[in-house]
Amino acid sequence: MIRRSQISITESNKEKLLSLDTIFEESRKVINLYIDEIWIQKDFSSKFVTFKVDTWLSARMQQNLGKQALQIIKSQRKKKKPHKPIFKKDSIDFDSRFVDMQFNNNSFDVWFKLNSVGNKINVNLPGKFHKHSLKFNNWLLKKSCRLRKVNSKYFIDMFFEKKSPELKIKGRDVGVDIGYKKLIVTSENKKYDTGLEEVYEKIVRKKQGSKAFKRSLKERDNKINESINQMPLSEIKTLVVEKLKNVKHKSKGRISKKFNNKLQRWSYSKVLSMLSLKCEELGIFFKEINPAYTSQKCSSCGFIDKNNRLGEKFLCINCGDRFDADYNASLNILALGSL
C-alpha cells in the first residue's frame, strides 16, 4: 500500500519560488504539446514518448513530461471521455533523477534539491514535517515525488510504501449505509457522524473560492475523518458498502435547489476512499456491492417497494415492520455482501 504526505515548501525564498513558477509554466506548455501530438498519432499504448518538442527543458525532463502526458491521456480514455484532455494544473511528477532528499539539515526537516530540469537550474527547497508525516516513520520512502502549486502555495508530495497486512480471519462483518444527514449508519444500528450537516450548511453560506470556503471544506474533511475514527474498526473483519456513482447528478430536478446546493458539498467518494484506506491498513476486507433497491427493500421479509421508505423512516407495507431507513439499508447491504 502507498500513502502520500504533503510537505509545504512555501517558506522558500522569493527567487526559488520564481524559478518554480518558470518550471511550472514551461512544463504545462510541454505536457500539452505532447498531448496534442500523441492525440494526432493515436499511439495510446506506449509507456514513453520517442519524440521531442520545442522547449528549453532538458531532454531528460522532456521524457519525464512526455510520460506524464501519456498518463493523463490514458486516464481520460479509461473514463471513456472522447475529447482530448487539456492540462491546466501546476503539478509535475519527478523520480530520483531529478530530486535529491536530505533530512534533518539545519532548522528544516527535509531539503529537496531539484536538478536536471534544464537551463542549469538547481534549486534547494526547504520543508517541514507535520503530524500526518510522522505516522510514516516505519514506512519505506519511495524515491519519486510530486511538485505542486495550489492557490499560490507550493508543496512537494512524498510517497511512502508498506506491505499490506494479511486480511483478518476473526472479527465481525458489518454493513454500512453512507448518507447526507447521517454520515455512517451500520448494520449494528450505530451512527457515526460528528456534525457534518452543520458543516454543509456553513459551506453553502461561504463564497466559493474564498478563504472561508476553503477552511470549511477542510473542516468537512476533518469531520469525516473524525467520524470514521469513532468506528470500532479493530473489531471488524469485513466492511460492506454500496458502490454508488453519480449520486449528485441523479438528484438534479428531483429535490429543491437549496438542498441540492448542500448536497453538492457532500462527498460520498471521499468517505468511501477514507474508509477503504483505513480498511487496507487494518487488514479489513472492504467489499463494494450493487446498491439496487437497498433503500426500498424490507430487511425482514424482503419485500421491495419505493413506498416502504418515508424520508428517514422505513415502514414495510407488506409485513408492517418499522426501522430507521438508514439502518434498514445497512442490513440489506450486509446481506448482499454475504452472498
C-alpha atoms as a PDB file:
ATOM      1  CA  MET A   1       0.000   0.000   0.000  1.00  0.00           C
ATOM      2  CA  ILE A   2       1.152   3.535  -0.806  1.00  0.00           C
ATOM      3  CA  ARG A   3       0.334   6.737   1.055  1.00  0.00           C
ATOM      4  CA  ARG A   4       1.050  10.389   0.317  1.00  0.00           C
ATOM      5  CA  SER A   5       2.319  13.072   2.692  1.00  0.00           C
ATOM      6  CA  GLN A   6       2.091  16.717   1.655  1.00  0.00           C
ATOM      7  CA  ILE A   7       5.101  18.878   2.617  1.00  0.00           C
ATOM      8  CA  SER A   8       4.855  22.655   2.351  1.00  0.00           C
ATOM      9  CA  ILE A   9       7.841  24.356   0.674  1.00  0.00           C
ATOM     10  CA  THR A  10       6.273  27.836   0.617  1.00  0.00           C
ATOM     11  CA  GLU A  11       8.929  29.077   3.076  1.00  0.00           C
ATOM     12  CA  SER A  12      11.437  29.003   0.206  1.00  0.00           C
ATOM     13  CA  ASN A  13      12.735  32.467  -0.716  1.00  0.00           C
ATOM     14  CA  LYS A  14      11.176  34.545  -3.493  1.00  0.00           C
ATOM     15  CA  GLU A  15      13.900  33.764  -6.028  1.00  0.00           C
ATOM     16  CA  LYS A  16      13.407  29.998  -5.612  1.00  0.00           C
ATOM     17  CA  LEU A  17       9.630  30.307  -5.938  1.00  0.00           C
ATOM     18  CA  LEU A  18      10.027  32.359  -9.124  1.00  0.00           C
ATOM     19  CA  SER A  19      12.221  29.566 -10.507  1.00  0.00           C
ATOM     20  CA  LEU A  20       9.467  27.077  -9.680  1.00  0.00           C
ATOM     21  CA  ASP A  21       6.891  29.262 -11.454  1.00  0.00           C
ATOM     22  CA  THR A  22       9.109  29.273 -14.551  1.00  0.00           C
ATOM     23  CA  ILE A  23       9.387  25.469 -14.442  1.00  0.00           C
ATOM     24  CA  PHE A  24       5.632  25.061 -13.943  1.00  0.00           C
ATOM     25  CA  GLU A  25       4.771  27.350 -16.848  1.00  0.00           C
ATOM     26  CA  GLU A  26       7.138  25.632 -19.291  1.00  0.00           C
ATOM     27  CA  SER A  27       6.198  22.130 -18.104  1.00  0.00           C
ATOM     28  CA  ARG A  28       2.500  22.827 -18.540  1.00  0.00           C
ATOM     29  CA  LYS A  29       3.167  24.011 -22.096  1.00  0.00           C
ATOM     30  CA  VAL A  30       5.299  20.941 -22.894  1.00  0.00           C
ATOM     31  CA  ILE A  31       2.790  18.462 -21.466  1.00  0.00           C
ATOM     32  CA  ASN A  32       0.061  19.938 -23.669  1.00  0.00           C
ATOM     33  CA  LEU A  33       2.344  19.819 -26.723  1.00  0.00           C
ATOM     34  CA  TYR A  34       2.910  16.134 -26.054  1.00  0.00           C
ATOM     35  CA  ILE A  35      -0.824  15.554 -25.540  1.00  0.00           C
ATOM     36  CA  ASP A  36      -1.544  17.252 -28.904  1.00  0.00           C
ATOM     37  CA  GLU A  37       0.973  15.103 -30.793  1.00  0.00           C
ATOM     38  CA  ILE A  38       0.049  11.825 -29.074  1.00  0.00           C
ATOM     39  CA  TRP A  39      -3.625  12.536 -29.812  1.00  0.00           C
ATOM     40  CA  ILE A  40      -2.809  13.063 -33.503  1.00  0.00           C
ATOM     41  CA  GLN A  41      -0.693   9.903 -33.673  1.00  0.00           C
ATOM     42  CA  LYS A  42      -3.266   7.915 -31.630  1.00  0.00           C
ATOM     43  CA  ASP A  43      -0.422   5.986 -30.021  1.00  0.00           C
ATOM     44  CA  PHE A  44      -2.029   5.425 -26.634  1.00  0.00           C
ATOM     45  CA  SER A  45      -0.336   2.156 -25.662  1.00  0.00           C
ATOM     46  CA  SER A  46       3.275   3.398 -25.349  1.00  0.00           C
ATOM     47  CA  LYS A  47       4.950   3.858 -21.974  1.00  0.00           C
ATOM     48  CA  PHE A  48       7.361   6.553 -23.199  1.00  0.00           C
ATOM     49  CA  VAL A  49       7.388   9.235 -25.892  1.00  0.00           C
ATOM     50  CA  THR A  50      10.004   8.907 -28.628  1.00  0.00           C
ATOM     51  CA  PHE A  51       9.972  12.473 -29.955  1.00  0.00           C
ATOM     52  CA  LYS A  52      10.940  15.918 -28.643  1.00  0.00           C
ATOM     53  CA  VAL A  53       9.195  19.265 -28.599  1.00  0.00           C
ATOM     54  CA  ASP A  54      10.445  22.843 -28.768  1.00  0.00           C
ATOM     55  CA  THR A  55      11.484  23.794 -25.228  1.00  0.00           C
ATOM     56  CA  TRP A  56      14.465  24.849 -23.121  1.00  0.00           C
ATOM     57  CA  LEU A  57      13.826  21.962 -20.735  1.00  0.00           C
ATOM     58  CA  SER A  58      16.406  19.161 -20.686  1.00  0.00           C
ATOM     59  CA  ALA A  59      15.954  16.001 -22.782  1.00  0.00           C
ATOM     60  CA  ARG A  60      15.527  14.047 -19.536  1.00  0.00           C
ATOM     61  CA  MET A  61      12.821  16.447 -18.380  1.00  0.00           C
ATOM     62  CA  GLN A  62      11.057  16.204 -21.735  1.00  0.00           C
ATOM     63  CA  GLN A  63      10.973  12.436 -21.454  1.00  0.00           C
ATOM     64  CA  ASN A  64       9.555  12.748 -17.945  1.00  0.00           C
ATOM     65  CA  LEU A  65       6.805  15.157 -19.034  1.00  0.00           C
ATOM     66  CA  GLY A  66       6.008  13.025 -22.072  1.00  0.00           C
ATOM     67  CA  LYS A  67       5.374  10.109 -19.740  1.00  0.00           C
ATOM     68  CA  GLN A  68       3.100  12.321 -17.626  1.00  0.00           C
ATOM     69  CA  ALA A  69       1.204  13.354 -20.791  1.00  0.00           C
ATOM     70  CA  LEU A  70       0.658   9.691 -21.667  1.00  0.00           C
ATOM     71  CA  GLN A  71      -0.716   9.001 -18.177  1.00  0.00           C
ATOM     72  CA  ILE A  72      -3.143  11.935 -18.497  1.00  0.00           C
ATOM     73  CA  ILE A  73      -4.435  10.626 -21.837  1.00  0.00           C
ATOM     74  CA  LYS A  74      -4.756   7.055 -20.560  1.00  0.00           C
ATOM     75  CA  SER A  75      -6.716   8.304 -17.554  1.00  0.00           C
ATOM     76  CA  GLN A  76      -9.022  10.271 -19.871  1.00  0.00           C
ATOM     77  CA  ARG A  77      -9.633   7.236 -22.067  1.00  0.00           C
ATOM     78  CA  LYS A  78     -10.218   4.981 -19.048  1.00  0.00           C
ATOM     79  CA  LYS A  79     -13.036   7.324 -18.038  1.00  0.00           C
ATOM     80  CA  LYS A  80     -14.351   6.945 -21.613  1.00  0.00           C
ATOM     81  CA  LYS A  81     -14.191  10.667 -22.296  1.00  0.00           C
ATOM     82  CA  PRO A  82     -13.834  11.127 -26.077  1.00  0.00           C
ATOM     83  CA  HIS A  83     -12.332  14.617 -26.177  1.00  0.00           C
ATOM     84  CA  LYS A  84      -8.652  15.477 -25.924  1.00  0.00           C
ATOM     85  CA  PRO A  85      -7.575  16.493 -22.393  1.00  0.00           C
ATOM     86  CA  ILE A  86      -6.036  19.886 -21.648  1.00  0.00           C
ATOM     87  CA  PHE A  87      -3.574  20.022 -18.775  1.00  0.00           C
ATOM     88  CA  LYS A  88      -4.082  23.161 -16.654  1.00  0.00           C
ATOM     89  CA  LYS A  89      -2.536  22.223 -13.306  1.00  0.00           C
ATOM     90  CA  ASP A  90       0.791  23.198 -11.780  1.00  0.00           C
ATOM     91  CA  SER A  91       1.831  19.635 -10.978  1.00  0.00           C
ATOM     92  CA  ILE A  92       4.935  17.693 -12.019  1.00  0.00           C
ATOM     93  CA  ASP A  93       5.854  14.104 -11.195  1.00  0.00           C
ATOM     94  CA  PHE A  94       9.563  13.508 -10.545  1.00  0.00           C
ATOM     95  CA  ASP A  95      11.690  10.418  -9.978  1.00  0.00           C
ATOM     96  CA  SER A  96      15.075  10.138  -8.239  1.00  0.00           C
ATOM     97  CA  ARG A  97      16.899  11.520 -11.313  1.00  0.00           C
ATOM     98  CA  PHE A  98      15.533  14.984 -10.546  1.00  0.00           C
ATOM     99  CA  VAL A  99      15.217  15.234  -6.772  1.00  0.00           C
ATOM    100  CA  ASP A 100      17.714  14.530  -4.001  1.00  0.00           C
ATOM    101  CA  MET A 101      16.249  14.481  -0.469  1.00  0.00           C
ATOM    102  CA  GLN A 102      18.341  15.360   2.586  1.00  0.00           C
ATOM    103  CA  PHE A 103      16.949  15.078   6.118  1.00  0.00           C
ATOM    104  CA  ASN A 104      17.469  16.874   9.456  1.00  0.00           C
ATOM    105  CA  ASN A 105      19.632  19.598   7.965  1.00  0.00           C
ATOM    106  CA  ASN A 106      19.563  22.957   9.839  1.00  0.00           C
ATOM    107  CA  SER A 107      16.143  24.124  11.057  1.00  0.00           C
ATOM    108  CA  PHE A 108      14.170  22.200   8.421  1.00  0.00           C
ATOM    109  CA  ASP A 109      13.192  18.529   8.464  1.00  0.00           C
ATOM    110  CA  VAL A 110      13.959  17.921   4.805  1.00  0.00           C
ATOM    111  CA  TRP A 111      15.613  19.652   1.843  1.00  0.00           C
ATOM    112  CA  PHE A 112      14.644  18.848  -1.736  1.00  0.00           C
ATOM    113  CA  LYS A 113      17.408  19.529  -4.244  1.00  0.00           C
ATOM    114  CA  LEU A 114      15.855  19.900  -7.692  1.00  0.00           C
ATOM    115  CA  ASN A 115      18.182  19.434 -10.673  1.00  0.00           C
ATOM    116  CA  SER A 116      18.455  18.142 -14.288  1.00  0.00           C
ATOM    117  CA  VAL A 117      15.472  20.313 -15.288  1.00  0.00           C
ATOM    118  CA  GLY A 118      17.223  22.490 -17.850  1.00  0.00           C
ATOM    119  CA  ASN A 119      18.885  25.928 -18.178  1.00  0.00           C
ATOM    120  CA  LYS A 120      21.275  24.848 -15.398  1.00  0.00           C
ATOM    121  CA  ILE A 121      18.504  25.317 -12.825  1.00  0.00           C
ATOM    122  CA  ASN A 122      19.343  23.896  -9.382  1.00  0.00           C
ATOM    123  CA  VAL A 123      17.002  24.746  -6.539  1.00  0.00           C
ATOM    124  CA  ASN A 124      17.183  23.748  -2.849  1.00  0.00           C
ATOM    125  CA  LEU A 125      13.700  23.716  -1.314  1.00  0.00           C
ATOM    126  CA  PRO A 126      13.189  23.503   2.491  1.00  0.00           C
ATOM    127  CA  GLY A 127      10.298  21.615   4.043  1.00  0.00           C
ATOM    128  CA  LYS A 128       8.933  20.781   7.473  1.00  0.00           C
ATOM    129  CA  PHE A 129       7.098  17.638   8.530  1.00  0.00           C
ATOM    130  CA  HIS A 130       3.723  17.801  10.217  1.00  0.00           C
ATOM    131  CA  LYS A 131       1.738  15.409  12.404  1.00  0.00           C
ATOM    132  CA  HIS A 132       0.475  13.401   9.444  1.00  0.00           C
ATOM    133  CA  SER A 133       4.024  12.871   8.118  1.00  0.00           C
ATOM    134  CA  LEU A 134       5.229  11.342  11.376  1.00  0.00           C
ATOM    135  CA  LYS A 135       2.881   8.326  11.087  1.00  0.00           C
ATOM    136  CA  PHE A 136       5.082   7.035   8.241  1.00  0.00           C
ATOM    137  CA  ASN A 137       8.248   6.630  10.331  1.00  0.00           C
ATOM    138  CA  ASN A 138       8.272   2.862   9.784  1.00  0.00           C
ATOM    139  CA  TRP A 139       7.281   3.022   6.116  1.00  0.00           C
ATOM    140  CA  LEU A 140       9.612   2.843   3.118  1.00  0.00           C
ATOM    141  CA  LEU A 141      10.154   6.237   1.470  1.00  0.00           C
ATOM    142  CA  LYS A 142       9.754   5.996  -2.299  1.00  0.00           C
ATOM    143  CA  LYS A 143      12.233   7.866  -4.479  1.00  0.00           C
ATOM    144  CA  SER A 144       9.543   9.546  -6.567  1.00  0.00           C
ATOM    145  CA  CYS A 145       7.730  12.733  -5.527  1.00  0.00           C
ATOM    146  CA  ARG A 146       5.333  15.323  -6.915  1.00  0.00           C
ATOM    147  CA  LEU A 147       5.865  19.095  -7.066  1.00  0.00           C
ATOM    148  CA  ARG A 148       2.631  21.129  -6.905  1.00  0.00           C
ATOM    149  CA  LYS A 149       1.372  24.680  -6.674  1.00  0.00           C
ATOM    150  CA  VAL A 150      -2.145  25.252  -5.339  1.00  0.00           C
ATOM    151  CA  ASN A 151      -3.627  28.712  -4.688  1.00  0.00           C
ATOM    152  CA  SER A 152      -0.180  30.387  -4.625  1.00  0.00           C
ATOM    153  CA  LYS A 153       1.173  27.814  -2.167  1.00  0.00           C
ATOM    154  CA  TYR A 154       3.893  25.317  -3.020  1.00  0.00           C
ATOM    155  CA  PHE A 155       4.074  21.665  -1.966  1.00  0.00           C
ATOM    156  CA  ILE A 156       6.050  18.504  -2.505  1.00  0.00           C
ATOM    157  CA  ASP A 157       4.214  15.219  -2.065  1.00  0.00           C
ATOM    158  CA  MET A 158       6.335  12.433  -0.627  1.00  0.00           C
ATOM    159  CA  PHE A 159       5.191   8.833  -1.093  1.00  0.00           C
ATOM    160  CA  PHE A 160       5.573   6.044   1.458  1.00  0.00           C
ATOM    161  CA  GLU A 161       5.106   2.333   0.906  1.00  0.00           C
ATOM    162  CA  LYS A 162       4.389  -0.570   3.230  1.00  0.00           C
ATOM    163  CA  LYS A 163       3.284  -4.150   2.727  1.00  0.00           C
ATOM    164  CA  SER A 164      -0.450  -4.560   3.318  1.00  0.00           C
ATOM    165  CA  PRO A 165      -1.299  -6.712   6.361  1.00  0.00           C
ATOM    166  CA  GLU A 166      -2.974 -10.092   5.911  1.00  0.00           C
ATOM    167  CA  LEU A 167      -6.765  -9.967   5.850  1.00  0.00           C
ATOM    168  CA  LYS A 168      -8.354 -10.708   9.206  1.00  0.00           C
ATOM    169  CA  ILE A 169      -9.879 -14.101   9.852  1.00  0.00           C
ATOM    170  CA  LYS A 170     -11.528 -13.044  13.114  1.00  0.00           C
ATOM    171  CA  GLY A 171     -13.995 -10.257  13.752  1.00  0.00           C
ATOM    172  CA  ARG A 172     -17.484  -9.111  12.775  1.00  0.00           C
ATOM    173  CA  ASP A 173     -18.995  -8.498   9.348  1.00  0.00           C
ATOM    174  CA  VAL A 174     -20.637  -5.063   9.196  1.00  0.00           C
ATOM    175  CA  GLY A 175     -22.760  -3.359   6.552  1.00  0.00           C
ATOM    176  CA  VAL A 176     -22.564   0.421   6.218  1.00  0.00           C
ATOM    177  CA  ASP A 177     -25.025   2.938   4.790  1.00  0.00           C
ATOM    178  CA  ILE A 178     -23.375   6.264   3.944  1.00  0.00           C
ATOM    179  CA  GLY A 179     -25.710   9.239   3.789  1.00  0.00           C
ATOM    180  CA  TYR A 180     -26.027  13.004   3.777  1.00  0.00           C
ATOM    181  CA  LYS A 181     -27.942  13.630   7.017  1.00  0.00           C
ATOM    182  CA  LYS A 182     -26.358  10.732   8.919  1.00  0.00           C
ATOM    183  CA  LEU A 183     -22.888  10.113   7.579  1.00  0.00           C
ATOM    184  CA  ILE A 184     -22.474   6.461   8.610  1.00  0.00           C
ATOM    185  CA  VAL A 185     -25.115   4.058   9.923  1.00  0.00           C
ATOM    186  CA  THR A 186     -24.104   0.433  10.459  1.00  0.00           C
ATOM    187  CA  SER A 187     -25.914  -2.895  10.462  1.00  0.00           C
ATOM    188  CA  GLU A 188     -25.269  -2.911  14.218  1.00  0.00           C
ATOM    189  CA  ASN A 189     -27.583   0.137  14.439  1.00  0.00           C
ATOM    190  CA  LYS A 190     -24.744   2.508  15.328  1.00  0.00           C
ATOM    191  CA  LYS A 191     -24.426   6.045  13.954  1.00  0.00           C
ATOM    192  CA  TYR A 192     -21.112   7.815  13.375  1.00  0.00           C
ATOM    193  CA  ASP A 193     -21.482  11.490  12.476  1.00  0.00           C
ATOM    194  CA  THR A 194     -19.626  14.353  14.136  1.00  0.00           C
ATOM    195  CA  GLY A 195     -21.954  17.100  12.901  1.00  0.00           C
ATOM    196  CA  LEU A 196     -21.472  17.027   9.137  1.00  0.00           C
ATOM    197  CA  GLU A 197     -24.840  18.574   8.254  1.00  0.00           C
ATOM    198  CA  GLU A 198     -23.918  21.773  10.121  1.00  0.00           C
ATOM    199  CA  VAL A 199     -20.663  21.955   8.158  1.00  0.00           C
ATOM    200  CA  TYR A 200     -22.530  21.566   4.844  1.00  0.00           C
ATOM    201  CA  GLU A 201     -24.767  24.484   5.870  1.00  0.00           C
ATOM    202  CA  LYS A 202     -21.669  26.542   6.622  1.00  0.00           C
ATOM    203  CA  ILE A 203     -20.046  25.716   3.261  1.00  0.00           C
ATOM    204  CA  VAL A 204     -23.150  26.783   1.321  1.00  0.00           C
ATOM    205  CA  ARG A 205     -23.086  30.200   3.018  1.00  0.00           C
ATOM    206  CA  LYS A 206     -19.466  30.874   2.031  1.00  0.00           C
ATOM    207  CA  LYS A 207     -18.384  32.447  -1.238  1.00  0.00           C
ATOM    208  CA  GLN A 208     -16.944  29.719  -3.439  1.00  0.00           C
ATOM    209  CA  GLY A 209     -13.170  30.004  -3.711  1.00  0.00           C
ATOM    210  CA  SER A 210     -12.824  32.286  -0.671  1.00  0.00           C
ATOM    211  CA  LYS A 211     -10.500  31.507   2.243  1.00  0.00           C
ATOM    212  CA  ALA A 212     -13.529  30.883   4.474  1.00  0.00           C
ATOM    213  CA  PHE A 213     -14.936  28.472   1.886  1.00  0.00           C
ATOM    214  CA  LYS A 214     -11.660  26.512   1.758  1.00  0.00           C
ATOM    215  CA  ARG A 215     -11.487  26.416   5.570  1.00  0.00           C
ATOM    216  CA  SER A 216     -14.999  24.972   5.641  1.00  0.00           C
ATOM    217  CA  LEU A 217     -14.058  22.270   3.115  1.00  0.00           C
ATOM    218  CA  LYS A 218     -11.086  21.358   5.303  1.00  0.00           C
ATOM    219  CA  GLU A 219     -13.383  21.231   8.342  1.00  0.00           C
ATOM    220  CA  ARG A 220     -15.688  18.887   6.394  1.00  0.00           C
ATOM    221  CA  ASP A 221     -12.813  16.520   5.626  1.00  0.00           C
ATOM    222  CA  ASN A 222     -11.662  16.595   9.256  1.00  0.00           C
ATOM    223  CA  LYS A 223     -15.203  15.813  10.436  1.00  0.00           C
ATOM    224  CA  ILE A 224     -15.415  12.860   8.047  1.00  0.00           C
ATOM    225  CA  ASN A 225     -12.122  11.543   9.385  1.00  0.00           C
ATOM    226  CA  GLU A 226     -13.261  12.020  12.997  1.00  0.00           C
ATOM    227  CA  SER A 227     -16.478  10.114  12.279  1.00  0.00           C
ATOM    228  CA  ILE A 228     -14.618   7.186  10.704  1.00  0.00           C
ATOM    229  CA  ASN A 229     -12.136   7.103  13.602  1.00  0.00           C
ATOM    230  CA  GLN A 230     -15.049   6.594  16.002  1.00  0.00           C
ATOM    231  CA  MET A 231     -15.905   3.266  14.366  1.00  0.00           C
ATOM    232  CA  PRO A 232     -14.630   0.112  16.132  1.00  0.00           C
ATOM    233  CA  LEU A 233     -12.672  -0.951  13.041  1.00  0.00           C
ATOM    234  CA  SER A 234     -10.276  -3.077  15.087  1.00  0.00           C
ATOM    235  CA  GLU A 235     -13.209  -5.427  15.832  1.00  0.00           C
ATOM    236  CA  ILE A 236     -14.397  -5.690  12.212  1.00  0.00           C
ATOM    237  CA  LYS A 237     -13.325  -8.382   9.726  1.00  0.00           C
ATOM    238  CA  THR A 238     -15.407  -7.362   6.686  1.00  0.00           C
ATOM    239  CA  LEU A 239     -16.919  -3.972   5.864  1.00  0.00           C
ATOM    240  CA  VAL A 240     -19.617  -3.930   3.172  1.00  0.00           C
ATOM    241  CA  VAL A 241     -20.574  -0.677   1.401  1.00  0.00           C
ATOM    242  CA  GLU A 242     -22.589   0.398  -1.622  1.00  0.00           C
ATOM    243  CA  LYS A 243     -20.749   1.199  -4.831  1.00  0.00           C
ATOM    244  CA  LEU A 244     -22.559   4.380  -5.801  1.00  0.00           C
ATOM    245  CA  LYS A 245     -21.888   6.532  -8.868  1.00  0.00           C
ATOM    246  CA  ASN A 246     -23.249   9.923  -9.929  1.00  0.00           C
ATOM    247  CA  VAL A 247     -25.124  10.405  -6.639  1.00  0.00           C
ATOM    248  CA  LYS A 248     -25.335  14.183  -7.078  1.00  0.00           C
ATOM    249  CA  HIS A 249     -26.015  14.054 -10.814  1.00  0.00           C
ATOM    250  CA  LYS A 250     -29.115  11.918 -10.309  1.00  0.00           C
ATOM    251  CA  SER A 251     -30.514  14.369  -7.750  1.00  0.00           C
ATOM    252  CA  LYS A 252     -30.932  17.206 -10.267  1.00  0.00           C
ATOM    253  CA  GLY A 253     -34.578  18.179 -10.678  1.00  0.00           C
ATOM    254  CA  ARG A 254     -35.739  15.712  -8.023  1.00  0.00           C
ATOM    255  CA  ILE A 255     -35.032  17.841  -4.955  1.00  0.00           C
ATOM    256  CA  SER A 256     -35.133  21.531  -4.090  1.00  0.00           C
ATOM    257  CA  LYS A 257     -32.386  23.808  -5.389  1.00  0.00           C
ATOM    258  CA  LYS A 258     -31.486  24.798  -1.806  1.00  0.00           C
ATOM    259  CA  PHE A 259     -30.985  21.195  -0.710  1.00  0.00           C
ATOM    260  CA  ASN A 260     -29.183  20.336  -3.940  1.00  0.00           C
ATOM    261  CA  ASN A 261     -26.655  23.113  -3.190  1.00  0.00           C
ATOM    262  CA  LYS A 262     -25.938  21.455   0.149  1.00  0.00           C
ATOM    263  CA  LEU A 263     -25.747  18.034  -1.462  1.00  0.00           C
ATOM    264  CA  GLN A 264     -23.010  19.308  -3.776  1.00  0.00           C
ATOM    265  CA  ARG A 265     -20.817  19.723  -0.667  1.00  0.00           C
ATOM    266  CA  TRP A 266     -21.401  16.130   0.437  1.00  0.00           C
ATOM    267  CA  SER A 267     -18.621  13.859  -0.732  1.00  0.00           C
ATOM    268  CA  TYR A 268     -19.640  10.196  -0.902  1.00  0.00           C
ATOM    269  CA  SER A 269     -16.482   9.280  -2.808  1.00  0.00           C
ATOM    270  CA  LYS A 270     -14.282  10.935  -0.173  1.00  0.00           C
ATOM    271  CA  VAL A 271     -15.968   8.983   2.646  1.00  0.00           C
ATOM    272  CA  LEU A 272     -15.627   5.776   0.642  1.00  0.00           C
ATOM    273  CA  SER A 273     -11.961   6.482  -0.100  1.00  0.00           C
ATOM    274  CA  MET A 274     -11.138   7.199   3.563  1.00  0.00           C
ATOM    275  CA  LEU A 275     -12.909   4.020   4.693  1.00  0.00           C
ATOM    276  CA  SER A 276     -11.112   1.975   2.038  1.00  0.00           C
ATOM    277  CA  LEU A 277      -7.686   3.267   3.117  1.00  0.00           C
ATOM    278  CA  LYS A 278      -8.413   2.566   6.800  1.00  0.00           C
ATOM    279  CA  CYS A 279      -9.548  -0.957   5.985  1.00  0.00           C
ATOM    280  CA  GLU A 280      -6.446  -1.627   3.900  1.00  0.00           C
ATOM    281  CA  GLU A 281      -4.183  -0.558   6.767  1.00  0.00           C
ATOM    282  CA  LEU A 282      -6.045  -2.750   9.288  1.00  0.00           C
ATOM    283  CA  GLY A 283      -6.457  -5.887   7.163  1.00  0.00           C
ATOM    284  CA  ILE A 284     -10.231  -5.485   6.837  1.00  0.00           C
ATOM    285  CA  PHE A 285     -11.892  -6.900   3.709  1.00  0.00           C
ATOM    286  CA  PHE A 286     -13.549  -3.893   2.038  1.00  0.00           C
ATOM    287  CA  LYS A 287     -16.408  -5.119  -0.142  1.00  0.00           C
ATOM    288  CA  GLU A 288     -18.499  -2.984  -2.506  1.00  0.00           C
ATOM    289  CA  ILE A 289     -21.925  -4.211  -3.631  1.00  0.00           C
ATOM    290  CA  ASN A 290     -24.547  -3.130  -6.166  1.00  0.00           C
ATOM    291  CA  PRO A 291     -26.837  -0.617  -4.405  1.00  0.00           C
ATOM    292  CA  ALA A 292     -30.020  -1.612  -6.260  1.00  0.00           C
ATOM    293  CA  TYR A 293     -33.106  -1.483  -4.003  1.00  0.00           C
ATOM    294  CA  THR A 294     -31.191  -1.399  -0.698  1.00  0.00           C
ATOM    295  CA  SER A 295     -33.299   1.573   0.422  1.00  0.00           C
ATOM    296  CA  GLN A 296     -36.625   0.104  -0.776  1.00  0.00           C
ATOM    297  CA  LYS A 297     -36.263  -3.492   0.409  1.00  0.00           C
ATOM    298  CA  CYS A 298     -37.538  -4.650   3.790  1.00  0.00           C
ATOM    299  CA  SER A 299     -34.700  -6.334   5.661  1.00  0.00           C
ATOM    300  CA  SER A 300     -37.233  -8.537   7.498  1.00  0.00           C
ATOM    301  CA  CYS A 301     -39.390 -10.020   4.732  1.00  0.00           C
ATOM    302  CA  GLY A 302     -37.519  -8.970   1.578  1.00  0.00           C
ATOM    303  CA  PHE A 303     -40.492  -7.096   0.069  1.00  0.00           C
ATOM    304  CA  ILE A 304     -39.404  -4.306  -2.305  1.00  0.00           C
ATOM    305  CA  ASP A 305     -41.470  -1.167  -2.876  1.00  0.00           C
ATOM    306  CA  LYS A 306     -40.488   2.505  -3.135  1.00  0.00           C
ATOM    307  CA  ASN A 307     -43.398   3.365  -0.819  1.00  0.00           C
ATOM    308  CA  ASN A 308     -41.729   1.434   2.019  1.00  0.00           C
ATOM    309  CA  ARG A 309     -39.435   4.377   2.697  1.00  0.00           C
ATOM    310  CA  LEU A 310     -40.803   7.617   4.119  1.00  0.00           C
ATOM    311  CA  GLY A 311     -37.905  10.025   4.497  1.00  0.00           C
ATOM    312  CA  GLU A 312     -35.778   8.803   7.395  1.00  0.00           C
ATOM    313  CA  LYS A 313     -38.338   6.175   8.384  1.00  0.00           C
ATOM    314  CA  PHE A 314     -38.995   2.752   6.881  1.00  0.00           C
ATOM    315  CA  LEU A 315     -42.406   1.061   7.184  1.00  0.00           C
ATOM    316  CA  CYS A 316     -42.853  -2.152   5.221  1.00  0.00           C
ATOM    317  CA  ILE A 317     -46.274  -2.137   3.556  1.00  0.00           C
ATOM    318  CA  ASN A 318     -46.108  -5.950   3.357  1.00  0.00           C
ATOM    319  CA  CYS A 319     -45.160  -7.147   6.845  1.00  0.00           C
ATOM    320  CA  GLY A 320     -45.548  -3.912   8.834  1.00  0.00           C
ATOM    321  CA  ASP A 321     -42.044  -3.875  10.353  1.00  0.00           C
ATOM    322  CA  ARG A 322     -40.609  -0.451  11.174  1.00  0.00           C
ATOM    323  CA  PHE A 323     -36.974   0.673  11.052  1.00  0.00           C
ATOM    324  CA  ASP A 324     -34.795   3.692  10.785  1.00  0.00           C
ATOM    325  CA  ALA A 325     -34.430   3.880   6.979  1.00  0.00           C
ATOM    326  CA  ASP A 326     -30.626   4.015   7.025  1.00  0.00           C
ATOM    327  CA  TYR A 327     -30.390   1.128   9.485  1.00  0.00           C
ATOM    328  CA  ASN A 328     -32.675  -0.955   7.251  1.00  0.00           C
ATOM    329  CA  ALA A 329     -30.483  -0.134   4.228  1.00  0.00           C
ATOM    330  CA  SER A 330     -27.333  -1.148   6.127  1.00  0.00           C
ATOM    331  CA  LEU A 331     -28.892  -4.536   6.950  1.00  0.00           C
ATOM    332  CA  ASN A 332     -29.647  -5.074   3.266  1.00  0.00           C
ATOM    333  CA  ILE A 333     -26.117  -4.029   2.336  1.00  0.00           C
ATOM    334  CA  LEU A 334     -24.664  -6.559   4.793  1.00  0.00           C
ATOM    335  CA  ALA A 335     -26.947  -9.312   3.443  1.00  0.00           C
ATOM    336  CA  LEU A 336     -25.835  -8.612  -0.146  1.00  0.00           C
ATOM    337  CA  GLY A 337     -22.214  -8.673   0.984  1.00  0.00           C
ATOM    338  CA  SER A 338     -22.704 -12.140   2.436  1.00  0.00           C
ATOM    339  CA  LEU A 339     -23.893 -13.638  -0.861  1.00  0.00           C
END
